[in-house]
Protein backbone atom coordinates (compact mmCIF):
# COMPACT_ATOMS: atom_id res chain seq x y z
CA MET A 1 -0.15 -0.08 0.00
CA GLU A 2 1.44 3.14 -0.85
CA ILE A 3 0.94 6.16 1.62
CA SER A 4 0.90 9.90 0.32
CA GLU A 5 3.36 12.24 1.51
CA LYS A 6 0.59 14.66 1.85
CA LEU A 7 -0.88 12.65 4.97
CA LEU A 8 -1.86 14.83 7.83
CA CYS A 9 -2.69 12.23 10.45
CA LEU A 10 -3.18 8.76 11.18
CA PHE A 11 -5.90 7.50 13.71
CA SER A 12 -8.18 4.57 14.33
CA ALA A 13 -11.73 5.05 14.41
CA ASP A 14 -15.36 3.42 14.06
CA VAL A 15 -17.88 4.41 11.62
CA ARG A 16 -21.17 5.00 13.19
CA GLU A 17 -24.47 5.73 11.81
CA VAL A 18 -26.30 9.12 12.89
CA ASP A 19 -29.56 10.39 11.78
CA GLY A 20 -29.24 8.03 8.34
CA GLU A 21 -25.61 9.17 7.84
CA TYR A 22 -22.30 7.43 8.29
CA VAL A 23 -19.69 9.43 10.54
CA VAL A 24 -16.22 8.80 11.57
CA ASP A 25 -15.01 10.96 14.89
CA VAL A 26 -11.58 12.90 14.44
CA PRO A 27 -9.94 12.32 17.71
CA ARG A 28 -9.49 15.84 19.66
CA ARG A 29 -5.57 15.53 19.67
CA GLU A 30 -5.30 15.94 15.60
CA ILE A 31 -7.20 19.28 16.27
CA GLU A 32 -5.18 20.52 19.25
CA THR A 33 -1.97 19.35 17.56
CA GLY A 34 -2.84 21.54 14.34
CA SER A 35 -3.13 18.84 11.77
CA LEU A 36 -6.45 19.49 11.08
CA GLU A 37 -8.70 22.76 11.52
CA PRO A 38 -12.56 22.37 11.86
CA GLY A 39 -14.80 23.21 9.14
CA GLU A 40 -12.03 22.44 6.63
CA THR A 41 -12.89 19.66 3.95
CA TYR A 42 -10.19 16.57 3.67
CA ARG A 43 -9.52 13.64 1.61
CA VAL A 44 -10.21 10.50 3.61
CA ALA A 45 -8.88 6.85 3.53
CA LEU A 46 -10.15 4.15 4.82
CA VAL A 47 -7.72 1.17 5.82
CA SER A 48 -9.38 -2.15 6.75
CA ARG A 49 -9.12 -3.29 10.49
CA SER A 50 -5.80 -4.20 12.31
CA GLY A 51 -4.78 -7.51 11.06
CA ALA A 52 -6.67 -7.81 7.68
CA LYS A 53 -4.84 -8.11 4.60
CA VAL A 54 -5.19 -5.24 2.31
CA ASP A 55 -4.65 -5.97 -1.76
CA ASP A 56 -2.29 -3.23 -3.15
CA GLU A 57 -2.10 -2.48 -6.78
CA THR A 58 -0.02 -5.32 -7.43
CA GLY A 59 -2.48 -7.78 -6.18
CA GLY A 60 -0.27 -8.80 -2.87
CA GLY A 61 -1.39 -8.17 0.37
CA ALA A 62 -0.38 -5.65 3.01
CA ASP A 63 -0.45 -6.13 6.98
CA VAL A 64 -1.72 -2.88 8.08
CA SER A 65 -1.53 -4.12 11.72
CA ALA A 66 2.31 -3.50 11.94
CA SER A 67 2.20 0.23 10.60
CA ARG A 68 -0.06 1.42 13.38
CA ALA A 69 -0.17 1.33 17.33
CA ASP A 70 -3.67 0.90 18.68
CA ASP A 71 -3.51 4.32 20.37
CA GLY A 72 -3.07 6.58 17.57
CA PRO A 73 0.10 7.82 15.49
CA GLN A 74 3.37 7.64 16.46
CA PRO A 75 5.58 10.24 16.96
CA PRO A 76 7.53 11.37 13.74
CA VAL A 77 10.92 11.69 15.48
CA GLU A 78 13.24 9.19 17.43
CA PRO A 79 15.54 10.09 19.91
CA GLY A 80 19.33 10.86 18.39
CA GLU A 81 17.52 11.76 15.13
CA MET A 82 19.33 14.99 13.43
CA ARG A 83 16.69 17.75 12.21
CA TYR A 84 16.86 21.09 10.75
CA VAL A 85 14.06 23.05 12.34
CA GLU A 86 12.64 26.70 12.85
CA ILE A 87 11.49 28.15 15.99
CA GLU A 88 8.02 29.38 15.38
CA ASP A 89 6.88 30.21 18.72
CA LEU A 90 8.28 30.31 22.46
CA GLY A 91 6.82 28.24 25.44
CA LYS A 92 5.70 29.41 28.66
CA GLN A 93 9.21 28.86 30.32
CA GLY A 94 10.77 30.88 27.34
CA ASP A 95 12.11 27.81 25.23
CA GLY A 96 12.06 27.88 21.28
CA ILE A 97 9.03 25.54 19.74
CA ALA A 98 9.49 24.13 16.60
CA ARG A 99 6.84 22.08 14.32
CA VAL A 100 7.20 19.29 12.21
CA GLU A 101 4.98 16.90 10.76
CA ARG A 102 1.23 16.73 12.00
CA GLY A 103 1.95 19.48 13.99
CA TYR A 104 4.29 17.70 16.25
CA VAL A 105 6.07 20.07 18.87
CA ILE A 106 9.65 19.78 19.25
CA ILE A 107 11.00 22.13 22.42
CA VAL A 108 14.47 23.53 21.94
CA PRO A 109 15.91 25.31 24.66
CA ASP A 110 18.10 28.50 24.27
CA THR A 111 16.42 29.58 20.69
CA GLU A 112 14.59 32.48 19.58
CA VAL A 113 11.48 32.82 17.27
CA GLY A 114 12.86 32.77 13.52
CA GLU A 115 16.21 31.11 14.08
CA ARG A 116 16.77 28.08 12.18
CA VAL A 117 19.04 25.58 13.69
CA LYS A 118 20.12 21.99 13.47
CA ILE A 119 19.15 19.93 16.38
CA GLU A 120 19.75 16.54 17.70
CA VAL A 121 16.22 14.74 19.27
CA THR A 122 17.15 13.98 23.12
CA GLU A 123 13.69 12.95 24.25
CA VAL A 124 10.56 11.78 22.70
CA LYS A 125 7.21 11.71 24.15
CA SER A 126 3.46 11.12 22.92
CA ASN A 127 2.68 14.71 22.35
CA PHE A 128 6.03 16.69 22.03
CA ALA A 129 9.99 15.90 21.89
CA VAL A 130 12.91 17.98 22.98
CA GLY A 131 15.75 18.63 20.90
CA GLU A 132 19.58 20.10 21.85
CA VAL A 133 20.81 22.54 19.19
CA VAL A 134 23.88 21.15 17.30
CA GLU A 135 24.53 24.21 14.85
CA GLU A 136 23.08 27.29 14.76
CA SER A 137 21.59 29.82 12.16
CA VAL A 138 21.46 27.08 9.15
């Protein structure tokens, strides 16, 4: 199965019927992280349930259970990863904030808004990561 580079978010949801229409609920975290905006229109792709085989264009099967977690999308960064980021905002404690795929936040201490820096990701949590500057003003 081919996944578009335009993918904004990935989550599991049930399809339910409401007043004769079928509805898929979007998790609140996808709105809060800035991946999606209420009132906008998006293209939606549905993938069969975990553990099911999905036929791709070549007629083979792809096991979707291995590519997703039951609790939603995984962080788009890993500890030790090097990234170039732009500081977009400052947090409550004055640390720089960069956003990467799906609006995922990376906190970068000792940076200023507008700075473009190379960082090493030092800590990864489900909803944010921490990075350390390894090269300034890239």
